[in-house]
Amino acid sequence: MNDIVKELSLLLLYLTSWEEDAVIAKVCRSWKGYPFETLDDLTEEEYISGSRRSKSVYITEKGIRKAQEIAKKYQIEDDNI
């Protein structure tokens, strides 16, 4: 069950994300309103990054690719795929 929660949380982070201009490149960010344990696991797996204090996270390139795979798995259409 934990794997499903992580998978769907990453997908929701991705689907509700926005793109921001950073100093070097554009980054994908999302609000982090999910269980801390899940966010910690996603951080350890390098799908997201960010400070524990901030209210948003960065979705890494690895996280974006994984979220896109999950979206296809659940047949969710996304304009970014």
N, C-alpha and C. Protein backbone atom coordinates (compact mmCIF):
# COMPACT_ATOMS: atom_id res chain seq x y z
N MET A 1 0.82 -1.19 0.00
CA MET A 1 0.00 0.00 0.00
C MET A 1 0.87 1.26 0.00
N ASN A 2 1.99 1.21 0.72
CA ASN A 2 2.90 2.36 0.79
C ASN A 2 3.41 2.75 -0.59
N ASP A 3 3.69 1.75 -1.42
CA ASP A 3 4.18 2.03 -2.78
C ASP A 3 3.12 2.74 -3.62
N ILE A 4 1.87 2.35 -3.45
CA ILE A 4 0.78 2.98 -4.19
C ILE A 4 0.62 4.43 -3.74
N VAL A 5 0.69 4.67 -2.45
CA VAL A 5 0.58 6.04 -1.93
C VAL A 5 1.71 6.90 -2.47
N LYS A 6 2.94 6.38 -2.48
CA LYS A 6 4.08 7.13 -3.03
C LYS A 6 3.87 7.42 -4.50
N GLU A 7 3.46 6.40 -5.24
CA GLU A 7 3.26 6.54 -6.68
C GLU A 7 2.21 7.61 -6.98
N LEU A 8 1.07 7.53 -6.31
CA LEU A 8 -0.01 8.48 -6.58
C LEU A 8 0.31 9.88 -6.05
N SER A 9 1.06 9.97 -4.97
CA SER A 9 1.48 11.28 -4.46
C SER A 9 2.41 11.96 -5.44
N LEU A 10 3.35 11.21 -5.99
CA LEU A 10 4.26 11.78 -7.00
C LEU A 10 3.45 12.24 -8.22
N LEU A 11 2.49 11.44 -8.64
CA LEU A 11 1.67 11.81 -9.78
C LEU A 11 0.90 13.10 -9.49
N LEU A 12 0.31 13.20 -8.31
CA LEU A 12 -0.44 14.42 -7.96
C LEU A 12 0.48 15.63 -7.84
N LEU A 13 1.67 15.44 -7.27
CA LEU A 13 2.63 16.54 -7.23
C LEU A 13 2.92 17.04 -8.63
N TYR A 14 3.11 16.11 -9.56
CA TYR A 14 3.42 16.46 -10.94
C TYR A 14 2.23 17.14 -11.62
N LEU A 15 1.04 16.56 -11.48
CA LEU A 15 -0.14 17.10 -12.16
C LEU A 15 -0.55 18.48 -11.64
N THR A 16 -0.19 18.79 -10.41
CA THR A 16 -0.55 20.10 -9.85
C THR A 16 0.65 21.05 -9.83
N SER A 17 1.69 20.71 -10.55
CA SER A 17 2.92 21.52 -10.53
C SER A 17 2.84 22.69 -11.50
N TRP A 18 3.79 23.59 -11.34
CA TRP A 18 3.96 24.72 -12.24
C TRP A 18 5.43 24.86 -12.56
N GLU A 19 5.70 25.57 -13.63
CA GLU A 19 7.09 25.76 -14.06
C GLU A 19 7.54 27.16 -13.67
N GLU A 20 8.73 27.26 -13.11
CA GLU A 20 9.31 28.54 -12.71
C GLU A 20 10.66 28.72 -13.37
N ASP A 21 10.99 29.97 -13.64
CA ASP A 21 12.33 30.28 -14.14
C ASP A 21 13.28 30.36 -12.96
N ALA A 22 14.28 29.52 -12.94
CA ALA A 22 15.34 29.57 -11.94
C ALA A 22 16.54 30.25 -12.58
N VAL A 23 17.58 30.43 -11.85
CA VAL A 23 18.77 31.11 -12.34
C VAL A 23 19.34 30.42 -13.57
N ILE A 24 19.46 29.11 -13.51
CA ILE A 24 20.11 28.36 -14.58
C ILE A 24 19.10 27.83 -15.61
N ALA A 25 17.97 27.34 -15.14
CA ALA A 25 17.00 26.71 -16.04
C ALA A 25 15.60 26.80 -15.43
N LYS A 26 14.63 26.29 -16.15
CA LYS A 26 13.28 26.23 -15.61
C LYS A 26 13.16 25.02 -14.69
N VAL A 27 12.38 25.18 -13.63
CA VAL A 27 12.19 24.09 -12.68
C VAL A 27 10.71 23.83 -12.49
N CYS A 28 10.40 22.62 -12.11
CA CYS A 28 9.03 22.18 -11.88
C CYS A 28 8.81 22.15 -10.36
N ARG A 29 7.82 22.92 -9.88
CA ARG A 29 7.55 22.99 -8.44
C ARG A 29 6.13 22.59 -8.15
N SER A 30 5.88 22.19 -6.91
CA SER A 30 4.54 21.81 -6.49
C SER A 30 4.40 22.05 -4.99
N TRP A 31 3.18 22.31 -4.55
CA TRP A 31 2.92 22.45 -3.12
C TRP A 31 2.98 21.07 -2.49
N LYS A 32 3.49 21.03 -1.27
CA LYS A 32 3.67 19.72 -0.63
C LYS A 32 2.66 19.50 0.50
N GLY A 33 1.46 19.13 0.14
CA GLY A 33 0.41 18.86 1.11
C GLY A 33 0.17 17.38 1.28
N TYR A 34 1.22 16.62 1.43
CA TYR A 34 1.13 15.17 1.50
C TYR A 34 1.81 14.69 2.77
N PRO A 35 1.56 13.44 3.19
CA PRO A 35 2.18 12.95 4.42
C PRO A 35 3.71 13.08 4.38
N PHE A 36 4.27 13.51 5.49
CA PHE A 36 5.72 13.72 5.56
C PHE A 36 6.50 12.45 5.24
N GLU A 37 6.00 11.31 5.68
CA GLU A 37 6.70 10.04 5.42
C GLU A 37 6.79 9.79 3.92
N THR A 38 5.72 10.09 3.21
CA THR A 38 5.71 9.90 1.76
C THR A 38 6.67 10.85 1.09
N LEU A 39 6.65 12.12 1.50
CA LEU A 39 7.57 13.11 0.94
C LEU A 39 9.01 12.74 1.24
N ASP A 40 9.27 12.23 2.44
CA ASP A 40 10.63 11.79 2.79
C ASP A 40 11.08 10.66 1.88
N ASP A 41 10.19 9.70 1.63
CA ASP A 41 10.53 8.58 0.74
C ASP A 41 10.81 9.08 -0.68
N LEU A 42 9.98 9.98 -1.18
CA LEU A 42 10.18 10.52 -2.53
C LEU A 42 11.48 11.31 -2.63
N THR A 43 11.85 11.97 -1.54
CA THR A 43 13.12 12.70 -1.51
C THR A 43 14.30 11.72 -1.53
N GLU A 44 14.21 10.67 -0.71
CA GLU A 44 15.27 9.67 -0.67
C GLU A 44 15.47 8.99 -2.02
N GLU A 45 14.37 8.81 -2.77
CA GLU A 45 14.44 8.18 -4.08
C GLU A 45 14.80 9.18 -5.18
N GLU A 46 15.06 10.43 -4.78
CA GLU A 46 15.48 11.52 -5.67
C GLU A 46 14.44 11.90 -6.72
N TYR A 47 13.16 11.76 -6.37
CA TYR A 47 12.08 12.20 -7.25
C TYR A 47 11.72 13.66 -6.97
N ILE A 48 11.93 14.11 -5.74
CA ILE A 48 11.68 15.50 -5.37
C ILE A 48 12.84 15.99 -4.52
N SER A 49 12.92 17.31 -4.39
CA SER A 49 13.91 17.89 -3.50
C SER A 49 13.37 19.20 -2.95
N GLY A 50 13.98 19.65 -1.87
CA GLY A 50 13.56 20.91 -1.27
C GLY A 50 13.77 20.89 0.22
N SER A 51 13.63 22.04 0.79
CA SER A 51 13.81 22.21 2.22
C SER A 51 12.60 21.70 2.99
N ARG A 52 12.84 21.17 4.18
CA ARG A 52 11.73 20.73 5.03
C ARG A 52 10.87 21.93 5.45
N ARG A 53 11.47 23.10 5.49
CA ARG A 53 10.76 24.30 5.93
C ARG A 53 9.85 24.89 4.85
N SER A 54 10.21 24.70 3.60
CA SER A 54 9.44 25.33 2.53
C SER A 54 8.08 24.64 2.35
N LYS A 55 7.17 25.36 1.73
CA LYS A 55 5.83 24.83 1.50
C LYS A 55 5.70 24.19 0.13
N SER A 56 6.78 24.23 -0.64
CA SER A 56 6.76 23.60 -1.96
C SER A 56 8.02 22.79 -2.15
N VAL A 57 7.99 21.93 -3.16
CA VAL A 57 9.14 21.09 -3.49
C VAL A 57 9.45 21.25 -4.97
N TYR A 58 10.67 20.88 -5.32
CA TYR A 58 11.07 20.79 -6.72
C TYR A 58 10.89 19.35 -7.14
N ILE A 59 10.34 19.14 -8.31
CA ILE A 59 10.26 17.80 -8.87
C ILE A 59 11.47 17.64 -9.78
N THR A 60 12.28 16.64 -9.49
CA THR A 60 13.51 16.44 -10.26
C THR A 60 13.19 15.90 -11.66
N GLU A 61 14.17 15.91 -12.54
CA GLU A 61 13.98 15.34 -13.87
C GLU A 61 13.59 13.86 -13.76
N LYS A 62 14.24 13.17 -12.83
CA LYS A 62 13.91 11.77 -12.58
C LYS A 62 12.46 11.64 -12.12
N GLY A 63 12.03 12.56 -11.27
CA GLY A 63 10.66 12.55 -10.77
C GLY A 63 9.64 12.84 -11.87
N ILE A 64 9.99 13.77 -12.75
CA ILE A 64 9.10 14.10 -13.87
C ILE A 64 8.93 12.88 -14.76
N ARG A 65 10.03 12.23 -15.10
CA ARG A 65 9.95 11.04 -15.96
C ARG A 65 9.10 9.95 -15.30
N LYS A 66 9.32 9.72 -14.00
CA LYS A 66 8.56 8.70 -13.28
C LYS A 66 7.08 9.06 -13.23
N ALA A 67 6.77 10.32 -12.98
CA ALA A 67 5.37 10.76 -12.93
C ALA A 67 4.70 10.58 -14.28
N GLN A 68 5.41 10.84 -15.35
CA GLN A 68 4.86 10.65 -16.69
C GLN A 68 4.58 9.17 -16.97
N GLU A 69 5.47 8.29 -16.50
CA GLU A 69 5.23 6.85 -16.62
C GLU A 69 3.98 6.43 -15.85
N ILE A 70 3.83 6.97 -14.65
CA ILE A 70 2.67 6.65 -13.82
C ILE A 70 1.39 7.15 -14.48
N ALA A 71 1.43 8.35 -15.06
CA ALA A 71 0.26 8.90 -15.74
C ALA A 71 -0.16 7.99 -16.89
N LYS A 72 0.80 7.51 -17.64
CA LYS A 72 0.49 6.58 -18.74
C LYS A 72 -0.09 5.28 -18.20
N LYS A 73 0.46 4.80 -17.09
CA LYS A 73 -0.01 3.56 -16.48
C LYS A 73 -1.49 3.67 -16.11
N TYR A 74 -1.89 4.82 -15.58
CA TYR A 74 -3.27 5.03 -15.17
C TYR A 74 -4.11 5.69 -16.26
N GLN A 75 -3.56 5.78 -17.45
CA GLN A 75 -4.22 6.35 -18.61
C GLN A 75 -4.75 7.76 -18.34
N ILE A 76 -3.90 8.56 -17.73
CA ILE A 76 -4.24 9.96 -17.45
C ILE A 76 -3.59 10.82 -18.50
N GLU A 77 -4.40 11.60 -19.18
CA GLU A 77 -3.86 12.47 -20.23
C GLU A 77 -3.25 13.70 -19.58
N ASP A 78 -2.09 14.06 -20.07
CA ASP A 78 -1.38 15.22 -19.55
C ASP A 78 -0.75 15.94 -20.74
N ASP A 79 -0.96 17.21 -20.83
CA ASP A 79 -0.41 18.00 -21.95
C ASP A 79 1.11 18.02 -21.95
N ASN A 80 1.74 17.76 -20.80
CA ASN A 80 3.19 17.82 -20.70
C ASN A 80 3.88 16.54 -21.15
N ILE A 81 3.14 15.47 -21.38
CA ILE A 81 3.73 14.18 -21.74
C ILE A 81 4.03 14.15 -23.23
